[in-house]
Amino acid sequence: MKAAIIGVTGYTGLELVRLICKHPVLELGTLHSHGQHTKNSAELYPHLNDLVEKTIIGYTPEQVMAENDIVFFATPAGVTKEEAVPFVAANFPVIDLSGDLRLKDGATYQKWYKKTPADAKLLKKAQYCLPELMDKKPGNLISNPGCYATAAILTAMPLVKANLIEATPLIFDGKSGLTGAGKTLSDSSHFVTCAENMTMYKLNEHQHIPEIISVLQQFDKSLTNIHFTTSLIPVKRGIMMTLYAQIKKGVTENEIYAAYTASYNHRAFVRMQPLGQLPQLRQVVGTNFCDIGLGLNVETGILTVVGVIDNLVKGASGQALQNFNLWAQLDEDTGLRDVPMFP
């Protein structure tokens, strides 16, 4: 099958190129960019020399549908809600990596993304697909989860599902590499700002907050708020998500661990660390894995859970291909079972 990529010159678009090149079922179709079309992909990105040498072009929906079998939108928020409409009308398969279709309520999207929401009919058709929560083939309009949201939901879901925590808000502390900020230059991503430094941003305002809440509410309707912080750390890739939760009285560490293994033992990309061991960021870089470890303070009843992902793979492009695999009814790890880059 041929896959078109719209927004190929961004980090997630380039990661899709890398991953599709080794997928046994997908191959690269047409490549598109709103700002850098007419250029050769290897001219813009020398690491693609002798591997991918395609002209990046502008597009019309009709052309994309005529020359491809599926389209990935690797675009910023605000694009897919407009440009996916003709594809959806033709029932052409779309996987959206932006945040445009993740929130079913348009007013919530407008509040957190500061943009006009997608049409209600488009939102109704879109299916939010975190693969670890999927039990059947998704439809033709897939909304890929956000990177922070992926790490937070996978880190917290077994706790909420098994009703092991008190009603106090879950506390999430997310730390991300600089690629999570995208390619647009800003003071926060300037080398002088980020090197040998750590900065917190979007305190109580991050757009993934309502996404996390809406998914966790599938398991506990009373969970209406979380405390969520995000920081930039001086690495290129990766998210380390640390969750702090008050455990219900009498719940043991072994019971907690059993809840996690019950949720994830049958999933291809969530790897539980042995009790007493917490994951490091570098053990997932370049892969679609989410590694999780935990520890309970028996004196305070506070549980610490650490989840790590590569924000460009499991947090974006790898998860998009995992969703493609589910849509195509392939094994979910098809083309994605990579050994992490180490050191």
Protein backbone atom coordinates (compact mmCIF):
# COMPACT_ATOMS: atom_id res chain seq x y z
CA MET A 1 0.00 0.00 0.00
CA LYS A 2 1.19 3.51 -0.77
CA ALA A 3 1.13 6.14 1.97
CA ALA A 4 1.05 9.88 1.33
CA ILE A 5 2.51 12.16 3.98
CA ILE A 6 1.23 15.72 4.29
CA GLY A 7 3.66 17.79 6.36
CA VAL A 8 6.65 15.60 5.54
CA THR A 9 9.29 18.21 6.41
CA GLY A 10 8.42 18.33 10.12
CA TYR A 11 9.97 16.01 12.68
CA THR A 12 7.02 13.62 12.78
CA GLY A 13 6.76 13.63 8.98
CA LEU A 14 10.44 12.70 8.64
CA GLU A 15 10.00 10.01 11.28
CA LEU A 16 7.14 8.57 9.24
CA VAL A 17 9.50 8.43 6.25
CA ARG A 18 12.06 6.48 8.29
CA LEU A 19 9.53 4.02 9.65
CA ILE A 20 7.57 3.47 6.44
CA CYS A 21 10.82 2.71 4.56
CA LYS A 22 11.19 -0.51 6.58
CA HIS A 23 7.53 -1.47 6.83
CA PRO A 24 6.74 -4.71 4.96
CA VAL A 25 3.29 -3.61 3.76
CA LEU A 26 3.51 0.18 3.38
CA GLU A 27 5.68 2.09 0.94
CA LEU A 28 6.17 5.79 0.49
CA GLY A 29 3.77 7.35 -1.94
CA THR A 30 3.64 11.09 -2.55
CA LEU A 31 5.29 13.53 -0.14
CA HIS A 32 3.79 16.94 0.52
CA SER A 33 4.67 20.18 2.27
CA HIS A 34 2.91 23.51 2.39
CA GLY A 35 6.15 25.49 2.46
CA GLN A 36 8.97 23.43 0.92
CA HIS A 37 7.44 21.75 -2.12
CA THR A 38 9.29 21.51 -5.46
CA LYS A 39 12.44 20.42 -3.60
CA ASN A 40 13.96 16.95 -3.53
CA SER A 41 13.72 15.21 -0.16
CA ALA A 42 17.41 14.25 -0.21
CA GLU A 43 18.37 17.82 -1.09
CA LEU A 44 16.62 19.10 2.01
CA TYR A 45 17.72 16.19 4.19
CA PRO A 46 21.07 14.67 3.16
CA HIS A 47 20.54 11.67 5.47
CA LEU A 48 18.02 10.46 2.88
CA ASN A 49 20.58 10.32 0.03
CA ASP A 50 20.33 7.06 -1.96
CA LEU A 51 17.39 6.05 0.24
CA VAL A 52 14.51 8.44 -0.42
CA GLU A 53 14.84 10.85 -3.32
CA LYS A 54 11.36 12.13 -4.06
CA THR A 55 10.22 15.58 -5.04
CA ILE A 56 8.18 17.17 -2.29
CA ILE A 57 5.10 18.63 -3.91
CA GLY A 58 2.01 20.65 -3.22
CA TYR A 59 -1.17 18.66 -3.50
CA THR A 60 -4.84 18.40 -4.19
CA PRO A 61 -6.96 15.80 -2.39
CA GLU A 62 -7.90 14.28 -5.73
CA GLN A 63 -4.23 13.72 -6.63
CA VAL A 64 -3.41 12.21 -3.25
CA MET A 65 -6.34 9.80 -3.43
CA ALA A 66 -5.53 8.81 -7.02
CA GLU A 67 -1.90 7.97 -6.27
CA ASN A 68 -2.05 6.56 -2.73
CA ASP A 69 -4.00 4.19 -0.50
CA ILE A 70 -3.83 6.11 2.80
CA VAL A 71 -2.78 9.57 3.95
CA PHE A 72 -0.96 10.64 7.11
CA PHE A 73 -1.37 14.24 8.28
CA ALA A 74 1.85 15.18 10.11
CA THR A 75 0.77 18.78 10.39
CA PRO A 76 0.39 21.32 13.21
CA ALA A 77 -2.95 21.79 14.92
CA GLY A 78 -5.39 23.73 12.78
CA VAL A 79 -4.64 22.07 9.42
CA THR A 80 -6.34 18.67 9.40
CA LYS A 81 -9.72 19.98 10.52
CA GLU A 82 -9.94 21.80 7.17
CA GLU A 83 -7.84 19.77 4.76
CA ALA A 84 -9.05 16.29 5.75
CA VAL A 85 -12.66 17.08 4.86
CA PRO A 86 -12.50 15.96 1.17
CA PHE A 87 -10.74 12.71 2.17
CA VAL A 88 -13.37 11.93 4.79
CA ALA A 89 -16.16 12.72 2.34
CA ALA A 90 -14.65 10.12 -0.03
CA ASN A 91 -14.16 7.63 2.84
CA PHE A 92 -10.43 7.65 2.10
CA PRO A 93 -8.30 6.41 5.05
CA VAL A 94 -6.79 9.23 7.12
CA ILE A 95 -4.47 9.07 10.13
CA ASP A 96 -4.10 12.45 11.80
CA LEU A 97 -1.08 13.10 14.04
CA SER A 98 -2.25 16.58 15.08
CA GLY A 99 -4.58 17.49 17.92
CA ASP A 100 -7.47 18.60 15.72
CA LEU A 101 -9.65 15.51 16.17
CA ARG A 102 -8.69 14.28 19.65
CA LEU A 103 -11.32 16.19 21.62
CA LYS A 104 -14.96 15.48 20.83
CA ASP A 105 -16.20 18.77 22.27
CA GLY A 106 -15.44 21.73 20.03
CA ALA A 107 -15.60 24.24 22.87
CA THR A 108 -12.98 22.29 24.81
CA TYR A 109 -10.70 22.27 21.77
CA GLN A 110 -11.11 26.02 21.35
CA LYS A 111 -10.31 26.61 25.03
CA TRP A 112 -7.11 24.55 25.09
CA TYR A 113 -5.80 24.93 21.53
CA LYS A 114 -6.90 28.55 21.04
CA LYS A 115 -8.19 27.69 17.56
CA THR A 116 -11.54 27.27 15.86
CA PRO A 117 -12.61 23.60 16.22
CA ALA A 118 -13.36 21.12 13.47
CA ASP A 119 -16.90 20.70 12.24
CA ALA A 120 -19.01 18.59 14.59
CA LYS A 121 -19.68 16.01 11.85
CA LEU A 122 -15.94 15.51 11.35
CA LEU A 123 -15.37 15.13 15.09
CA LYS A 124 -18.15 12.57 15.28
CA LYS A 125 -16.52 10.43 12.57
CA ALA A 126 -13.03 10.63 14.07
CA GLN A 127 -11.90 7.77 16.29
CA TYR A 128 -9.30 8.40 19.00
CA CYS A 129 -6.96 5.42 18.85
CA LEU A 130 -4.53 4.62 21.61
CA PRO A 131 -3.63 1.09 20.45
CA GLU A 132 -3.36 -0.35 23.96
CA LEU A 133 -7.03 0.48 24.47
CA MET A 134 -8.22 -0.82 21.11
CA ASP A 135 -9.99 -4.17 20.81
CA LYS A 136 -11.22 -3.96 17.21
CA LYS A 137 -10.30 -2.57 13.80
CA PRO A 138 -10.61 1.24 13.75
CA GLY A 139 -12.47 3.12 11.05
CA ASN A 140 -11.14 5.29 8.23
CA LEU A 141 -10.57 8.47 10.27
CA ILE A 142 -8.02 7.86 13.01
CA SER A 143 -6.95 10.49 15.52
CA ASN A 144 -3.49 9.70 16.86
CA PRO A 145 -2.93 10.51 20.57
CA GLY A 146 -0.60 13.27 21.71
CA CYS A 147 2.90 12.44 22.93
CA TYR A 148 2.50 13.62 26.54
CA ALA A 149 -0.99 12.12 26.62
CA THR A 150 0.31 8.74 25.46
CA ALA A 151 2.92 8.65 28.21
CA ALA A 152 0.49 9.86 30.88
CA ILE A 153 -2.40 7.55 29.97
CA LEU A 154 -0.24 4.42 29.72
CA THR A 155 1.44 5.29 33.01
CA ALA A 156 -1.85 5.83 34.88
CA MET A 157 -4.48 3.68 33.20
CA PRO A 158 -4.04 0.40 35.18
CA LEU A 159 -4.31 2.31 38.48
CA VAL A 160 -7.53 4.02 37.48
CA LYS A 161 -8.98 0.91 35.87
CA ALA A 162 -8.37 -1.23 38.96
CA ASN A 163 -9.65 1.49 41.33
CA LEU A 164 -6.47 1.44 43.42
CA ILE A 165 -6.12 5.16 44.09
CA GLU A 166 -7.79 7.75 46.29
CA ALA A 167 -9.90 10.52 44.80
CA THR A 168 -7.15 13.13 45.21
CA PRO A 169 -5.91 14.45 41.84
CA LEU A 170 -3.29 12.43 40.03
CA ILE A 171 -0.05 14.40 39.74
CA PHE A 172 1.85 14.09 36.45
CA ASP A 173 5.31 15.55 35.88
CA GLY A 174 6.30 15.29 32.20
CA LYS A 175 9.75 16.09 30.84
CA SER A 176 10.30 16.21 27.08
CA GLY A 177 13.15 16.52 24.62
CA LEU A 178 13.27 19.49 22.29
CA THR A 179 11.78 17.76 19.24
CA GLY A 180 8.48 17.83 21.11
CA ALA A 181 8.40 21.58 20.54
CA GLY A 182 8.48 21.14 16.75
CA LYS A 183 10.78 22.81 14.23
CA THR A 184 9.53 26.38 14.57
CA LEU A 185 12.27 28.47 16.14
CA SER A 186 11.55 30.11 19.48
CA ASP A 187 13.43 31.47 22.44
CA SER A 188 12.56 28.38 24.51
CA SER A 189 14.16 26.05 21.93
CA HIS A 190 17.20 28.26 21.32
CA PHE A 191 20.43 26.41 22.13
CA VAL A 192 21.47 29.05 24.65
CA THR A 193 18.17 28.58 26.50
CA CYS A 194 17.92 24.81 26.49
CA ALA A 195 21.52 23.60 26.77
CA GLU A 196 22.54 22.74 30.35
CA ASN A 197 19.13 23.93 31.49
CA MET A 198 15.62 22.78 32.32
CA THR A 199 12.53 24.93 31.92
CA MET A 200 8.91 24.37 32.85
CA TYR A 201 6.26 25.63 30.44
CA LYS A 202 2.48 25.83 29.93
CA LEU A 203 1.81 25.35 33.63
CA ASN A 204 -1.87 24.34 33.99
CA GLU A 205 -2.38 25.21 30.31
CA HIS A 206 -1.05 22.29 28.28
CA GLN A 207 -3.43 21.18 25.55
CA HIS A 208 -3.00 17.48 26.38
CA ILE A 209 -4.67 17.89 29.79
CA PRO A 210 -8.30 17.45 28.58
CA GLU A 211 -7.20 14.57 26.35
CA ILE A 212 -5.72 12.69 29.31
CA ILE A 213 -8.78 13.33 31.47
CA SER A 214 -11.25 12.24 28.78
CA VAL A 215 -9.49 8.90 28.28
CA LEU A 216 -9.06 8.12 31.97
CA GLN A 217 -12.72 8.97 32.54
CA GLN A 218 -13.58 5.89 30.49
CA PHE A 219 -12.46 3.93 33.57
CA ASP A 220 -13.52 6.33 36.33
CA LYS A 221 -16.21 8.93 35.66
CA SER A 222 -15.36 10.75 38.90
CA LEU A 223 -11.89 11.66 37.62
CA THR A 224 -12.50 15.22 36.48
CA ASN A 225 -9.14 16.88 37.15
CA ILE A 226 -5.43 16.12 37.13
CA HIS A 227 -2.37 18.14 38.06
CA PHE A 228 -0.07 18.18 35.03
CA THR A 229 3.29 19.89 34.52
CA THR A 230 5.59 19.88 31.52
CA SER A 231 9.29 20.73 31.23
CA LEU A 232 11.87 20.87 28.45
CA ILE A 233 15.12 19.01 29.06
CA PRO A 234 18.29 19.26 26.91
CA VAL A 235 17.86 16.06 24.89
CA LYS A 236 16.60 15.67 21.32
CA ARG A 237 14.11 12.85 21.85
CA GLY A 238 12.10 11.31 24.61
CA ILE A 239 9.53 11.89 27.32
CA MET A 240 9.88 10.86 30.94
CA MET A 241 6.49 10.92 32.65
CA THR A 242 6.42 10.64 36.43
CA LEU A 243 3.09 9.98 38.13
CA TYR A 244 2.43 10.44 41.85
CA ALA A 245 -0.74 8.93 43.31
CA GLN A 246 -2.19 8.29 46.78
CA ILE A 247 -2.92 4.57 47.02
CA LYS A 248 -5.99 3.29 48.86
CA LYS A 249 -5.33 1.97 52.33
CA GLY A 250 -4.23 -1.66 52.41
CA VAL A 251 -3.24 -1.89 48.74
CA THR A 252 0.18 -3.53 48.33
CA GLU A 253 2.92 -2.96 45.82
CA ASN A 254 2.45 -6.48 44.49
CA GLU A 255 -1.26 -5.83 43.88
CA ILE A 256 -0.38 -2.64 42.01
CA TYR A 257 2.21 -4.42 39.90
CA ALA A 258 -0.28 -7.17 39.11
CA ALA A 259 -2.74 -4.56 37.79
CA TYR A 260 -0.10 -3.27 35.38
CA THR A 261 0.93 -6.69 34.15
CA ALA A 262 -2.72 -7.66 33.65
CA SER A 263 -3.21 -4.57 31.49
CA TYR A 264 -0.06 -4.83 29.42
CA ASN A 265 1.33 -8.38 29.33
CA HIS A 266 -0.49 -9.05 26.06
CA ARG A 267 0.53 -5.76 24.42
CA ALA A 268 3.51 -5.58 22.11
CA PHE A 269 4.98 -2.24 23.13
CA VAL A 270 4.52 -1.73 26.88
CA ARG A 271 7.38 -3.27 28.84
CA MET A 272 7.02 -3.46 32.62
CA GLN A 273 10.27 -3.18 34.53
CA PRO A 274 10.88 -5.61 37.40
CA LEU A 275 9.83 -4.33 40.82
CA GLY A 276 12.58 -2.16 42.24
CA GLN A 277 13.75 -0.98 38.81
CA LEU A 278 12.77 2.27 37.10
CA PRO A 279 13.21 2.90 33.36
CA GLN A 280 15.74 5.25 31.82
CA LEU A 281 14.91 7.48 28.90
CA ARG A 282 17.60 6.10 26.62
CA GLN A 283 16.28 2.54 26.76
CA VAL A 284 13.40 3.46 24.42
CA VAL A 285 14.99 6.04 22.08
CA GLY A 286 14.29 5.26 18.45
CA THR A 287 11.59 2.70 19.27
CA ASN A 288 7.86 2.34 19.77
CA PHE A 289 8.22 0.99 23.30
CA CYS A 290 6.78 2.49 26.46
CA ASP A 291 8.73 1.22 29.48
CA ILE A 292 7.12 1.54 32.91
CA GLY A 293 8.45 1.05 36.43
CA LEU A 294 6.97 1.82 39.84
CA GLY A 295 7.69 2.01 43.55
CA LEU A 296 5.43 2.44 46.60
CA ASN A 297 6.37 4.43 49.69
CA VAL A 298 4.67 2.35 52.40
CA GLU A 299 5.09 5.13 54.97
CA THR A 300 3.22 7.79 52.99
CA GLY A 301 1.06 5.61 50.74
CA ILE A 302 2.37 7.54 47.73
CA LEU A 303 3.01 5.54 44.58
CA THR A 304 5.57 6.74 42.04
CA VAL A 305 5.21 5.44 38.49
CA VAL A 306 7.70 6.31 35.75
CA GLY A 307 6.92 5.85 32.06
CA VAL A 308 9.33 6.62 29.22
CA ILE A 309 8.68 6.89 25.48
CA ASP A 310 10.34 8.32 22.38
CA ASN A 311 8.08 11.29 21.65
CA LEU A 312 8.59 10.99 17.88
CA VAL A 313 7.93 7.24 17.73
CA LYS A 314 5.49 5.93 20.36
CA GLY A 315 4.44 9.55 20.93
CA ALA A 316 3.68 10.21 17.26
CA SER A 317 4.81 8.46 14.07
CA GLY A 318 5.41 4.96 15.44
CA GLN A 319 2.03 4.99 17.11
CA ALA A 320 0.50 6.16 13.83
CA LEU A 321 1.97 3.07 12.15
CA GLN A 322 0.81 0.90 15.04
CA ASN A 323 -2.67 2.28 14.39
CA PHE A 324 -2.23 1.57 10.67
CA ASN A 325 -1.36 -2.03 11.55
CA LEU A 326 -4.56 -2.35 13.57
CA TRP A 327 -6.56 -0.75 10.74
CA ALA A 328 -4.97 -3.09 8.18
CA GLN A 329 -5.54 -6.05 10.55
CA LEU A 330 -1.83 -6.83 10.79
CA ASP A 331 0.05 -7.76 13.94
CA GLU A 332 0.36 -4.46 15.80
CA ASP A 333 4.18 -4.66 15.90
CA THR A 334 4.56 -5.16 12.13
CA GLY A 335 7.56 -3.13 10.96
CA LEU A 336 8.01 -1.58 14.39
CA ARG A 337 9.94 -4.03 16.54
CA ASP A 338 13.26 -2.19 16.69
CA VAL A 339 16.14 -2.53 19.10
CA PRO A 340 16.65 0.78 20.94
CA MET A 341 19.70 2.88 20.07
CA PHE A 342 22.29 2.35 22.79
CA PRO A 343 24.28 4.15 24.02
